[in-house]
C-alpha atoms as a PDB file:
ATOM      1  CA  MET A   1     121.151 -78.333 -25.049  1.00  0.00           C
ATOM      2  CA  LEU A   2     120.995 -77.133 -20.845  1.00  0.00           C
ATOM      3  CA  ASN A   3     124.530 -76.978 -20.307  1.00  0.00           C
ATOM      4  CA  ALA A   4     125.450 -74.897 -23.557  1.00  0.00           C
ATOM      5  CA  ALA A   5     122.360 -72.376 -22.870  1.00  0.00           C
ATOM      6  CA  LEU A   6     123.632 -71.963 -19.233  1.00  0.00           C
ATOM      7  CA  SER A   7     127.655 -71.703 -20.596  1.00  0.00           C
ATOM      8  CA  ALA A   8     126.246 -69.021 -23.375  1.00  0.00           C
ATOM      9  CA  LEU A   9     124.316 -66.879 -20.481  1.00  0.00           C
ATOM     10  CA  HIS A  10     127.199 -67.226 -18.259  1.00  0.00           C
ATOM     11  CA  SER A  11     129.723 -66.101 -20.139  1.00  0.00           C
ATOM     12  CA  ASP A  12     128.388 -63.754 -22.631  1.00  0.00           C
ATOM     13  CA  LEU A  13     125.630 -61.847 -19.819  1.00  0.00           C
ATOM     14  CA  PRO A  14     125.669 -57.820 -21.456  1.00  0.00           C
ATOM     15  CA  ASP A  15     127.124 -54.882 -19.728  1.00  0.00           C
ATOM     16  CA  THR A  16     123.161 -53.701 -19.089  1.00  0.00           C
ATOM     17  CA  VAL A  17     122.567 -56.552 -17.024  1.00  0.00           C
ATOM     18  CA  PRO A  18     122.357 -55.459 -13.442  1.00  0.00           C
ATOM     19  CA  GLU A  19     125.354 -56.132 -10.862  1.00  0.00           C
ATOM     20  CA  HIS A  20     123.246 -58.704  -9.020  1.00  0.00           C
ATOM     21  CA  VAL A  21     121.472 -59.807 -11.397  1.00  0.00           C
ATOM     22  CA  ALA A  22     124.444 -60.846 -13.092  1.00  0.00           C
ATOM     23  CA  ALA A  23     126.004 -61.975  -9.114  1.00  0.00           C
ATOM     24  CA  THR A  24     123.015 -64.693  -8.421  1.00  0.00           C
ATOM     25  CA  LEU A  25     124.146 -66.092 -12.040  1.00  0.00           C
ATOM     26  CA  GLN A  26     127.441 -67.174 -11.718  1.00  0.00           C
ATOM     27  CA  ARG A  27     127.601 -70.909 -11.091  1.00  0.00           C
ATOM     28  CA  PRO A  28     126.344 -73.299  -9.357  1.00  0.00           C
ATOM     29  CA  LEU A  29     122.956 -73.063 -10.829  1.00  0.00           C
ATOM     30  CA  THR A  30     120.286 -75.157 -10.959  1.00  0.00           C
ATOM     31  CA  ALA A  31     117.339 -74.961 -14.321  1.00  0.00           C
ATOM     32  CA  ILE A  32     113.602 -76.807 -13.930  1.00  0.00           C
ATOM     33  CA  THR A  33     111.642 -77.419 -17.193  1.00  0.00           C
ATOM     34  CA  LEU A  34     108.756 -74.998 -17.681  1.00  0.00           C
ATOM     35  CA  GLY A  35     105.523 -75.949 -19.542  1.00  0.00           C
ATOM     36  CA  SER A  36     105.220 -77.891 -22.682  1.00  0.00           C
ATOM     37  CA  ARG A  37     107.246 -78.214 -26.323  1.00  0.00           C
ATOM     38  CA  TRP A  38     103.859 -78.439 -28.191  1.00  0.00           C
ATOM     39  CA  GLU A  39     104.441 -74.469 -29.293  1.00  0.00           C
ATOM     40  CA  GLY A  40     107.967 -75.318 -30.456  1.00  0.00           C
ATOM     41  CA  ARG A  41     110.245 -73.894 -27.422  1.00  0.00           C
ATOM     42  CA  ILE A  42     111.401 -75.338 -24.043  1.00  0.00           C
ATOM     43  CA  VAL A  43     111.628 -72.771 -21.393  1.00  0.00           C
ATOM     44  CA  TRP A  44     113.850 -73.215 -18.454  1.00  0.00           C
ATOM     45  CA  ALA A  45     113.637 -71.068 -14.740  1.00  0.00           C
ATOM     46  CA  VAL A  46     117.008 -71.392 -13.910  1.00  0.00           C
ATOM     47  CA  PHE A  47     118.056 -70.653 -10.112  1.00  0.00           C
ATOM     48  CA  ALA A  48     121.329 -69.612  -8.192  1.00  0.00           C
ATOM     49  CA  GLU A  49     122.620 -71.987  -5.283  1.00  0.00           C
ATOM     50  CA  ARG A  50     119.741 -72.368  -2.289  1.00  0.00           C
ATOM     51  CA  SER A  51     117.326 -69.388  -3.757  1.00  0.00           C
ATOM     52  CA  ARG A  52     113.605 -70.459  -4.123  1.00  0.00           C
ATOM     53  CA  THR A  53     113.048 -67.439  -6.641  1.00  0.00           C
ATOM     54  CA  PRO A  54     114.859 -68.331  -9.964  1.00  0.00           C
ATOM     55  CA  THR A  55     116.991 -65.626 -11.302  1.00  0.00           C
ATOM     56  CA  ALA A  56     116.208 -66.209 -15.434  1.00  0.00           C
ATOM     57  CA  VAL A  57     114.367 -67.555 -17.694  1.00  0.00           C
ATOM     58  CA  LEU A  58     115.603 -69.365 -20.995  1.00  0.00           C
ATOM     59  CA  LYS A  59     113.186 -69.617 -23.873  1.00  0.00           C
ATOM     60  CA  LEU A  60     115.108 -72.034 -26.219  1.00  0.00           C
ATOM     61  CA  ASP A  61     112.972 -72.876 -30.029  1.00  0.00           C
ATOM     62  CA  THR A  62     112.566 -76.915 -30.843  1.00  0.00           C
ATOM     63  CA  ARG A  63     110.957 -75.557 -33.939  1.00  0.00           C
ATOM     64  CA  PRO A  64     112.563 -73.100 -36.308  1.00  0.00           C
ATOM     65  CA  LYS A  65     109.120 -71.574 -37.075  1.00  0.00           C
ATOM     66  CA  TYR A  66     108.893 -70.149 -33.805  1.00  0.00           C
ATOM     67  CA  GLN A  67     112.422 -68.194 -34.082  1.00  0.00           C
ATOM     68  CA  PRO A  68     110.728 -64.858 -34.850  1.00  0.00           C
ATOM     69  CA  ARG A  69     108.395 -64.871 -31.685  1.00  0.00           C
ATOM     70  CA  LEU A  70     111.492 -65.259 -29.554  1.00  0.00           C
ATOM     71  CA  ARG A  71     112.889 -62.097 -31.719  1.00  0.00           C
ATOM     72  CA  LYS A  72     109.608 -60.294 -31.197  1.00  0.00           C
ATOM     73  CA  GLU A  73     109.794 -60.728 -27.398  1.00  0.00           C
ATOM     74  CA  HIS A  74     113.604 -59.862 -27.103  1.00  0.00           C
ATOM     75  CA  GLU A  75     112.673 -56.584 -29.032  1.00  0.00           C
ATOM     76  CA  ALA A  76     109.116 -55.961 -26.919  1.00  0.00           C
ATOM     77  CA  LEU A  77     111.363 -56.376 -23.674  1.00  0.00           C
ATOM     78  CA  HIS A  78     114.016 -53.701 -24.900  1.00  0.00           C
ATOM     79  CA  GLN A  79     111.406 -51.555 -25.654  1.00  0.00           C
ATOM     80  CA  LEU A  80     109.496 -52.019 -22.220  1.00  0.00           C
ATOM     81  CA  ALA A  81     112.789 -51.383 -20.675  1.00  0.00           C
ATOM     82  CA  GLN A  82     112.478 -47.750 -21.885  1.00  0.00           C
ATOM     83  CA  ILE A  83     109.419 -46.880 -19.504  1.00  0.00           C
ATOM     84  CA  PRO A  84     110.530 -46.145 -16.144  1.00  0.00           C
ATOM     85  CA  ASP A  85     107.029 -47.116 -14.138  1.00  0.00           C
ATOM     86  CA  MET A  86     107.755 -50.782 -15.675  1.00  0.00           C
ATOM     87  CA  ALA A  87     111.010 -51.335 -14.086  1.00  0.00           C
ATOM     88  CA  ASP A  88     110.331 -55.159 -12.274  1.00  0.00           C
ATOM     89  CA  LEU A  89     106.671 -55.328 -13.261  1.00  0.00           C
ATOM     90  CA  ALA A  90     107.811 -57.371 -16.652  1.00  0.00           C
ATOM     91  CA  PRO A  91     110.977 -59.100 -17.358  1.00  0.00           C
ATOM     92  CA  ALA A  92     114.310 -57.436 -18.169  1.00  0.00           C
ATOM     93  CA  PRO A  93     116.475 -58.896 -21.254  1.00  0.00           C
ATOM     94  CA  LEU A  94     119.476 -60.606 -20.717  1.00  0.00           C
ATOM     95  CA  GLY A  95     120.187 -61.489 -23.964  1.00  0.00           C
ATOM     96  CA  LEU A  96     119.419 -63.227 -27.265  1.00  0.00           C
ATOM     97  CA  TYR A  97     121.733 -66.324 -28.032  1.00  0.00           C
ATOM     98  CA  SER A  98     122.841 -68.766 -31.016  1.00  0.00           C
ATOM     99  CA  LEU A  99     123.008 -72.115 -30.258  1.00  0.00           C
ATOM    100  CA  GLY A 100     123.995 -73.605 -32.952  1.00  0.00           C
ATOM    101  CA  SER A 101     120.799 -73.815 -35.045  1.00  0.00           C
ATOM    102  CA  ALA A 102     118.238 -72.555 -32.313  1.00  0.00           C
ATOM    103  CA  LEU A 103     117.926 -69.399 -30.692  1.00  0.00           C
ATOM    104  CA  MET A 104     118.021 -68.882 -27.128  1.00  0.00           C
ATOM    105  CA  LEU A 105     115.786 -65.888 -25.282  1.00  0.00           C
ATOM    106  CA  ALA A 106     117.468 -65.266 -21.694  1.00  0.00           C
ATOM    107  CA  GLN A 107     115.368 -62.712 -19.364  1.00  0.00           C
ATOM    108  CA  THR A 108     114.862 -62.246 -15.667  1.00  0.00           C
ATOM    109  CA  ALA A 109     112.493 -63.883 -13.662  1.00  0.00           C
ATOM    110  CA  GLN A 110     109.563 -62.418 -12.086  1.00  0.00           C
ATOM    111  CA  ALA A 111     108.940 -63.018  -8.334  1.00  0.00           C
ATOM    112  CA  GLY A 112     106.049 -64.313  -7.184  1.00  0.00           C
ATOM    113  CA  VAL A 113     103.113 -66.562  -8.154  1.00  0.00           C
ATOM    114  CA  PRO A 114     100.953 -67.055 -11.213  1.00  0.00           C
ATOM    115  CA  LEU A 115      97.861 -65.614 -10.417  1.00  0.00           C
ATOM    116  CA  HIS A 116      95.593 -68.838 -11.674  1.00  0.00           C
ATOM    117  CA  VAL A 117      98.029 -70.767  -9.230  1.00  0.00           C
ATOM    118  CA  GLN A 118      96.807 -68.631  -6.711  1.00  0.00           C
ATOM    119  CA  LEU A 119      93.183 -68.533  -7.812  1.00  0.00           C
ATOM    120  CA  SER A 120      93.073 -72.025  -7.875  1.00  0.00           C
ATOM    121  CA  ARG A 121      93.892 -72.237  -3.906  1.00  0.00           C
ATOM    122  CA  ARG A 122      91.070 -69.577  -2.433  1.00  0.00           C
ATOM    123  CA  TYR A 123      87.515 -70.639  -2.186  1.00  0.00           C
ATOM    124  CA  TRP A 124      87.163 -68.140   1.469  1.00  0.00           C
ATOM    125  CA  ARG A 125      88.188 -64.768   1.283  1.00  0.00           C
ATOM    126  CA  ARG A 126      87.631 -65.095  -2.580  1.00  0.00           C
ATOM    127  CA  ARG A 127      86.231 -61.554  -2.876  1.00  0.00           C
ATOM    128  CA  GLN A 128      88.541 -59.736  -1.031  1.00  0.00           C
ATOM    129  CA  SER A 129      91.148 -61.028  -2.632  1.00  0.00           C
ATOM    130  CA  ALA A 130      89.802 -60.660  -5.862  1.00  0.00           C
ATOM    131  CA  THR A 131      88.942 -57.148  -5.529  1.00  0.00           C
ATOM    132  CA  ARG A 132      92.883 -56.856  -4.692  1.00  0.00           C
ATOM    133  CA  ASP A 133      93.751 -58.587  -7.603  1.00  0.00           C
ATOM    134  CA  HIS A 134      91.521 -55.877 -10.159  1.00  0.00           C
ATOM    135  CA  ALA A 135      93.289 -53.302  -8.284  1.00  0.00           C
ATOM    136  CA  ARG A 136      96.560 -54.602  -8.910  1.00  0.00           C
ATOM    137  CA  LEU A 137      95.718 -55.065 -12.304  1.00  0.00           C
ATOM    138  CA  ARG A 138      94.676 -51.590 -12.972  1.00  0.00           C
ATOM    139  CA  SER A 139      97.568 -50.080 -11.429  1.00  0.00           C
ATOM    140  CA  TRP A 140      99.911 -52.588 -13.590  1.00  0.00           C
ATOM    141  CA  LEU A 141      97.717 -50.960 -16.953  1.00  0.00           C
ATOM    142  CA  ALA A 142      98.099 -47.510 -15.398  1.00  0.00           C
ATOM    143  CA  ALA A 143     102.294 -48.402 -15.642  1.00  0.00           C
ATOM    144  CA  LEU A 144     102.263 -49.893 -18.869  1.00  0.00           C
ATOM    145  CA  ARG A 145     100.550 -46.462 -20.411  1.00  0.00           C
ATOM    146  CA  THR A 146     102.910 -44.453 -19.073  1.00  0.00           C
ATOM    147  CA  GLY A 147     103.957 -41.568 -22.484  1.00  0.00           C
ATOM    148  CA  THR A 148     101.963 -43.027 -24.888  1.00  0.00           C
ATOM    149  CA  THR A 149     100.392 -40.748 -27.535  1.00  0.00           C
ATOM    150  CA  GLY A 150      97.096 -39.152 -27.908  1.00  0.00           C
ATOM    151  CA  ALA A 151      96.229 -41.689 -30.991  1.00  0.00           C
ATOM    152  CA  THR A 152      92.932 -43.136 -31.139  1.00  0.00           C
ATOM    153  CA  THR A 153      90.906 -45.585 -33.355  1.00  0.00           C
ATOM    154  CA  PRO A 154      87.172 -44.941 -33.615  1.00  0.00           C
ATOM    155  CA  VAL A 155      84.109 -47.351 -33.036  1.00  0.00           C
ATOM    156  CA  ASP A 156      82.662 -48.788 -35.810  1.00  0.00           C
ATOM    157  CA  PRO A 157      78.730 -49.474 -35.377  1.00  0.00           C
ATOM    158  CA  GLU A 158      78.812 -50.717 -39.336  1.00  0.00           C
ATOM    159  CA  ALA A 159      81.578 -53.312 -38.547  1.00  0.00           C
ATOM    160  CA  VAL A 160      80.034 -53.950 -34.875  1.00  0.00           C
ATOM    161  CA  GLN A 161      76.982 -55.115 -36.682  1.00  0.00           C
ATOM    162  CA  GLN A 162      78.569 -56.744 -39.408  1.00  0.00           C
ATOM    163  CA  ARG A 163      80.585 -59.164 -36.889  1.00  0.00           C
ATOM    164  CA  LEU A 164      77.365 -59.528 -34.705  1.00  0.00           C
ATOM    165  CA  ALA A 165      75.573 -60.790 -37.933  1.00  0.00           C
ATOM    166  CA  ILE A 166      78.965 -63.231 -38.783  1.00  0.00           C
ATOM    167  CA  ALA A 167      79.103 -64.283 -34.748  1.00  0.00           C
ATOM    168  CA  LEU A 168      75.503 -65.026 -34.171  1.00  0.00           C
ATOM    169  CA  ASP A 169      72.951 -67.448 -35.472  1.00  0.00           C
ATOM    170  CA  ARG A 170      69.888 -64.661 -35.497  1.00  0.00           C
ATOM    171  CA  ASP A 171      67.587 -67.479 -34.509  1.00  0.00           C
ATOM    172  CA  SER A 172      69.219 -68.140 -31.788  1.00  0.00           C
ATOM    173  CA  PRO A 173      67.698 -67.089 -28.050  1.00  0.00           C
ATOM    174  CA  GLY A 174      67.860 -63.666 -27.516  1.00  0.00           C
ATOM    175  CA  ALA A 175      70.072 -62.916 -30.700  1.00  0.00           C
ATOM    176  CA  ALA A 176      67.706 -60.807 -32.825  1.00  0.00           C
ATOM    177  CA  ALA A 177      66.865 -58.540 -29.581  1.00  0.00           C
ATOM    178  CA  LEU A 178      70.599 -57.835 -28.904  1.00  0.00           C
ATOM    179  CA  GLN A 179      71.371 -57.383 -32.877  1.00  0.00           C
ATOM    180  CA  ASP A 180      68.691 -54.983 -32.492  1.00  0.00           C
ATOM    181  CA  ARG A 181      69.782 -52.997 -29.037  1.00  0.00           C
ATOM    182  CA  MET A 182      72.980 -53.022 -30.323  1.00  0.00           C
ATOM    183  CA  ALA A 183      71.902 -50.869 -33.108  1.00  0.00           C
ATOM    184  CA  GLU A 184      70.248 -48.385 -30.860  1.00  0.00           C
ATOM    185  CA  LEU A 185      73.588 -48.718 -28.799  1.00  0.00           C
ATOM    186  CA  GLY A 186      75.256 -47.481 -31.954  1.00  0.00           C
ATOM    187  CA  ASP A 187      73.627 -44.579 -33.148  1.00  0.00           C
ATOM    188  CA  GLU A 188      74.224 -43.207 -29.404  1.00  0.00           C
ATOM    189  CA  PHE A 189      78.235 -44.236 -28.887  1.00  0.00           C
ATOM    190  CA  GLY A 190      79.099 -44.519 -32.240  1.00  0.00           C
ATOM    191  CA  HIS A 191      80.804 -41.515 -31.919  1.00  0.00           C
ATOM    192  CA  LEU A 192      83.341 -42.811 -29.811  1.00  0.00           C
ATOM    193  CA  HIS A 193      87.081 -42.858 -29.721  1.00  0.00           C
ATOM    194  CA  VAL A 194      89.475 -45.935 -28.614  1.00  0.00           C
ATOM    195  CA  PRO A 195      92.450 -44.583 -27.171  1.00  0.00           C
ATOM    196  CA  THR A 196      95.048 -46.722 -28.143  1.00  0.00           C
ATOM    197  CA  GLN A 197      97.959 -48.159 -25.925  1.00  0.00           C
ATOM    198  CA  PRO A 198     100.959 -50.306 -25.780  1.00  0.00           C
ATOM    199  CA  LEU A 199      99.325 -54.123 -25.111  1.00  0.00           C
ATOM    200  CA  HIS A 200     100.662 -56.813 -23.814  1.00  0.00           C
ATOM    201  CA  GLY A 201      98.882 -59.090 -26.355  1.00  0.00           C
ATOM    202  CA  ASP A 202      97.777 -61.825 -23.816  1.00  0.00           C
ATOM    203  CA  LEU A 203      97.177 -60.746 -20.366  1.00  0.00           C
ATOM    204  CA  ASP A 204      95.636 -63.850 -19.136  1.00  0.00           C
ATOM    205  CA  PRO A 205      96.013 -64.616 -15.283  1.00  0.00           C
ATOM    206  CA  SER A 206      98.712 -67.426 -16.368  1.00  0.00           C
ATOM    207  CA  ASN A 207     101.007 -64.987 -17.227  1.00  0.00           C
ATOM    208  CA  CYS A 208     100.282 -62.570 -14.685  1.00  0.00           C
ATOM    209  CA  PHE A 209     102.489 -63.075 -11.065  1.00  0.00           C
ATOM    210  CA  THR A 210     101.155 -61.845  -8.083  1.00  0.00           C
ATOM    211  CA  GLY A 211     103.907 -61.196  -4.972  1.00  0.00           C
ATOM    212  CA  ARG A 212     105.127 -58.032  -2.769  1.00  0.00           C
ATOM    213  CA  ARG A 213     105.556 -55.259  -5.498  1.00  0.00           C
ATOM    214  CA  GLY A 214     101.916 -56.195  -6.753  1.00  0.00           C
ATOM    215  CA  LEU A 215     101.445 -57.311 -10.437  1.00  0.00           C
ATOM    216  CA  SER A 216     104.065 -58.420 -12.946  1.00  0.00           C
ATOM    217  CA  VAL A 217     103.510 -60.182 -16.371  1.00  0.00           C
ATOM    218  CA  VAL A 218     105.513 -62.539 -18.341  1.00  0.00           C
ATOM    219  CA  ASP A 219     105.493 -63.669 -22.157  1.00  0.00           C
ATOM    220  CA  TRP A 220     105.912 -60.384 -24.739  1.00  0.00           C
ATOM    221  CA  GLU A 221     105.903 -62.227 -27.633  1.00  0.00           C
ATOM    222  CA  GLY A 222     102.642 -60.922 -28.577  1.00  0.00           C
ATOM    223  CA  PHE A 223     103.070 -57.204 -27.519  1.00  0.00           C
ATOM    224  CA  THR A 224     102.096 -54.431 -29.433  1.00  0.00           C
ATOM    225  CA  LEU A 225     103.685 -50.359 -28.812  1.00  0.00           C
ATOM    226  CA  GLN A 226      99.869 -49.014 -29.981  1.00  0.00           C
ATOM    227  CA  GLY A 227      96.383 -50.819 -30.148  1.00  0.00           C
ATOM    228  CA  PRO A 228      93.319 -50.596 -28.941  1.00  0.00           C
ATOM    229  CA  PRO A 229      93.020 -52.043 -25.335  1.00  0.00           C
ATOM    230  CA  LEU A 230      89.295 -53.203 -24.587  1.00  0.00           C
ATOM    231  CA  ALA A 231      90.146 -56.671 -25.880  1.00  0.00           C
ATOM    232  CA  GLU A 232      93.228 -57.058 -23.691  1.00  0.00           C
ATOM    233  CA  VAL A 233      91.009 -55.728 -20.578  1.00  0.00           C
ATOM    234  CA  LEU A 234      88.335 -58.175 -21.655  1.00  0.00           C
ATOM    235  CA  LEU A 235      90.346 -60.963 -22.074  1.00  0.00           C
ATOM    236  CA  PHE A 236      91.730 -60.816 -18.674  1.00  0.00           C
ATOM    237  CA  LEU A 237      88.286 -60.079 -17.062  1.00  0.00           C
ATOM    238  CA  ASN A 238      86.762 -63.043 -18.963  1.00  0.00           C
ATOM    239  CA  HIS A 239      89.564 -65.352 -18.008  1.00  0.00           C
ATOM    240  CA  TYR A 240      90.097 -64.577 -14.304  1.00  0.00           C
ATOM    241  CA  ALA A 241      86.349 -65.183 -13.733  1.00  0.00           C
ATOM    242  CA  ARG A 242      86.365 -68.740 -15.143  1.00  0.00           C
ATOM    243  CA  ALA A 243      89.625 -69.897 -12.863  1.00  0.00           C
ATOM    244  CA  VAL A 244      87.547 -68.068  -9.731  1.00  0.00           C
ATOM    245  CA  PRO A 245      86.466 -71.789  -7.695  1.00  0.00           C
ATOM    246  CA  THR A 246      83.155 -72.533  -7.086  1.00  0.00           C
ATOM    247  CA  ARG A 247      81.235 -74.694  -4.588  1.00  0.00           C
ATOM    248  CA  ASP A 248      80.930 -76.996  -8.060  1.00  0.00           C
ATOM    249  CA  ALA A 249      84.221 -76.592  -9.493  1.00  0.00           C
ATOM    250  CA  TRP A 250      87.858 -75.649  -8.613  1.00  0.00           C
ATOM    251  CA  VAL A 251      88.166 -75.077 -12.360  1.00  0.00           C
ATOM    252  CA  PRO A 252      84.739 -73.705 -13.640  1.00  0.00           C
ATOM    253  CA  ASP A 253      83.431 -74.519 -17.259  1.00  0.00           C
ATOM    254  CA  PRO A 254      83.984 -71.289 -19.283  1.00  0.00           C
ATOM    255  CA  LEU A 255      80.160 -70.642 -19.970  1.00  0.00           C
ATOM    256  CA  VAL A 256      79.940 -70.960 -16.083  1.00  0.00           C
ATOM    257  CA  GLY A 257      82.845 -68.445 -15.263  1.00  0.00           C
ATOM    258  CA  PHE A 258      81.529 -66.328 -17.444  1.00  0.00           C
ATOM    259  CA  ARG A 259      77.973 -66.710 -16.423  1.00  0.00           C
ATOM    260  CA  ASN A 260      79.485 -65.732 -13.164  1.00  0.00           C
ATOM    261  CA  GLY A 261      81.999 -62.617 -13.817  1.00  0.00           C
ATOM    262  CA  PHE A 262      79.035 -60.962 -16.513  1.00  0.00           C
ATOM    263  CA  LEU A 263      75.417 -62.347 -16.022  1.00  0.00           C
ATOM    264  CA  ALA A 264      74.793 -63.423 -12.810  1.00  0.00           C
ATOM    265  CA  ASP A 265      73.594 -61.315  -9.775  1.00  0.00           C
ATOM    266  CA  GLY A 266      76.647 -61.430  -7.717  1.00  0.00           C
ATOM    267  CA  TRP A 267      79.620 -60.056  -6.046  1.00  0.00           C
ATOM    268  CA  LEU A 268      82.146 -61.690  -9.124  1.00  0.00           C
ATOM    269  CA  ALA A 269      79.980 -59.926 -11.593  1.00  0.00           C
ATOM    270  CA  ARG A 270      79.559 -56.407  -9.687  1.00  0.00           C
ATOM    271  CA  LEU A 271      83.762 -56.378  -9.418  1.00  0.00           C
ATOM    272  CA  THR A 272      84.213 -57.339 -12.895  1.00  0.00           C
ATOM    273  CA  TRP A 273      81.536 -54.864 -14.142  1.00  0.00           C
ATOM    274  CA  GLY A 274      82.884 -52.435 -11.882  1.00  0.00           C
ATOM    275  CA  THR A 275      86.643 -53.008 -12.980  1.00  0.00           C
ATOM    276  CA  TRP A 276      85.488 -52.971 -16.986  1.00  0.00           C
ATOM    277  CA  ARG A 277      83.485 -49.526 -16.305  1.00  0.00           C
ATOM    278  CA  ALA A 278      86.572 -48.017 -14.486  1.00  0.00           C
ATOM    279  CA  GLU A 279      89.089 -48.839 -17.406  1.00  0.00           C
ATOM    280  CA  LEU A 280      86.329 -47.290 -19.857  1.00  0.00           C
ATOM    281  CA  GLU A 281      86.570 -44.318 -17.855  1.00  0.00           C
ATOM    282  CA  GLN A 282      90.657 -44.193 -17.701  1.00  0.00           C
ATOM    283  CA  LEU A 283      90.383 -44.201 -21.397  1.00  0.00           C
ATOM    284  CA  GLY A 284      87.944 -41.085 -21.476  1.00  0.00           C
ATOM    285  CA  LEU A 285      84.967 -43.596 -22.756  1.00  0.00           C
ATOM    286  CA  PRO A 286      81.719 -42.610 -20.967  1.00  0.00           C
ATOM    287  CA  ALA A 287      80.668 -45.963 -18.327  1.00  0.00           C
ATOM    288  CA  GLU A 288      76.943 -45.486 -20.082  1.00  0.00           C
ATOM    289  CA  ALA A 289      78.517 -47.521 -23.086  1.00  0.00           C
ATOM    290  CA  ALA A 290      79.942 -50.278 -21.114  1.00  0.00           C
ATOM    291  CA  GLU A 291      76.884 -52.906 -22.454  1.00  0.00           C
ATOM    292  CA  TYR A 292      77.776 -51.626 -25.855  1.00  0.00           C
ATOM    293  CA  LEU A 293      81.345 -51.967 -25.976  1.00  0.00           C
ATOM    294  CA  LEU A 294      81.315 -55.287 -24.270  1.00  0.00           C
ATOM    295  CA  VAL A 295      79.084 -56.582 -26.761  1.00  0.00           C
ATOM    296  CA  ALA A 296      81.891 -55.101 -29.574  1.00  0.00           C
ATOM    297  CA  THR A 297      84.564 -57.219 -28.060  1.00  0.00           C
ATOM    298  CA  LEU A 298      82.856 -59.922 -27.732  1.00  0.00           C
ATOM    299  CA  ALA A 299      81.722 -59.661 -31.751  1.00  0.00           C
ATOM    300  CA  ASP A 300      85.436 -58.883 -32.176  1.00  0.00           C
ATOM    301  CA  PHE A 301      87.068 -62.024 -30.475  1.00  0.00           C
ATOM    302  CA  ALA A 302      84.393 -63.971 -32.127  1.00  0.00           C
ATOM    303  CA  THR A 303      85.182 -63.273 -35.512  1.00  0.00           C
ATOM    304  CA  GLY A 304      89.007 -62.923 -35.525  1.00  0.00           C
ATOM    305  CA  HIS A 305      89.423 -59.243 -35.223  1.00  0.00           C
ATOM    306  CA  ALA A 306      90.376 -58.411 -31.520  1.00  0.00           C
ATOM    307  CA  SER A 307      93.861 -56.605 -30.944  1.00  0.00           C
ATOM    308  CA  THR A 308      94.959 -59.589 -28.775  1.00  0.00           C
ATOM    309  CA  ALA A 309      97.738 -62.372 -29.676  1.00  0.00           C
ATOM    310  CA  HIS A 310      95.653 -65.457 -30.425  1.00  0.00           C
ATOM    311  CA  ALA A 311      92.722 -63.757 -32.268  1.00  0.00           C
ATOM    312  CA  HIS A 312      93.235 -65.477 -35.381  1.00  0.00           C
ATOM    313  CA  ARG A 313      93.316 -69.005 -34.145  1.00  0.00           C
ATOM    314  CA  LYS A 314      89.930 -70.550 -35.008  1.00  0.00           C
ATOM    315  CA  GLY A 315      89.507 -72.625 -31.721  1.00  0.00           C
ATOM    316  CA  SER A 316      89.816 -68.778 -29.823  1.00  0.00           C
ATOM    317  CA  GLN A 317      87.145 -67.833 -32.338  1.00  0.00           C
ATOM    318  CA  ARG A 318      84.348 -70.594 -31.421  1.00  0.00           C
ATOM    319  CA  ASN A 319      85.034 -69.932 -27.792  1.00  0.00           C
ATOM    320  CA  TRP A 320      84.487 -66.613 -28.051  1.00  0.00           C
ATOM    321  CA  THR A 321      81.413 -67.132 -30.044  1.00  0.00           C
ATOM    322  CA  GLU A 322      79.890 -69.477 -27.094  1.00  0.00           C
ATOM    323  CA  LEU A 323      80.066 -66.757 -24.824  1.00  0.00           C
ATOM    324  CA  LEU A 324      78.432 -63.955 -26.801  1.00  0.00           C
ATOM    325  CA  THR A 325      75.608 -66.635 -27.642  1.00  0.00           C
ATOM    326  CA  LEU A 326      75.169 -67.450 -24.052  1.00  0.00           C
ATOM    327  CA  TYR A 327      75.107 -63.213 -23.653  1.00  0.00           C
ATOM    328  CA  ALA A 328      72.400 -62.839 -25.839  1.00  0.00           C
ATOM    329  CA  ALA A 329      70.314 -65.736 -24.481  1.00  0.00           C
ATOM    330  CA  GLU A 330      70.712 -64.562 -21.039  1.00  0.00           C
ATOM    331  CA  ARG A 331      71.382 -60.389 -20.721  1.00  0.00           C
END
């Protein structure tokens, strides 16, 4: 199948492919397999001869039900190509090919190292590197939001309270106090409107690459042209915090990572909250609403209402419920 995929890519590249990319896709080529097939796809990174950086990434379904996701990502990459500031910050589409009953999506590869891999290698100089990572994230988000409309979505205090009631056991430590606190803050910030923006859908450090040109992001099958961005930002901040090595573990427990990122008295929590508040201000929201919007977004995740690609998964909802429960107990 790999030979058929490479032959299709080699023989039928669209005219819009940059000349330097087309040139490097001439044979001979080398390919390595990335990830696993459990989701219903296989992924290959394709290298030109003697190159250390892949030129293209090929995604091929192994189950027909995965094909709509490939089509959606292909369309997303075409939409991203219309945003000038996103050049080199996301893959460019190379084509969508039929290989018998299978479908293959071809796209350019991103240079650099996956951010979660870089985090696993760090122990010393963590603070300096993390500050740079967060700054790169904010620059990347600004590029993605170029030319967006002025559409907004309102904050709904009643919905926030309902979702907290669903997610939290009222008798668990701190739950009642947090719900009462959120009711008070809802009176103060319930009038807010959150701007809608283009969303990646799964802004995890494992989908982020860091290199000389800054941050770039792959895996766009969860792309949405307009949606509230707070869940996306929180997802990154949480997954980043739990990937930062500690003295006790190179990969901390998710609860430990959340505590270090949002509840502890340390540099990582200060950085996390600083980035969260800065993003709120960038969106025209008051920094004073930081806690209210954070807890409201946690409740969205815990009840499956977050504007991310995997929010509907029950396992994901259980994980976020644990984080919300920890926040209530330790805030």
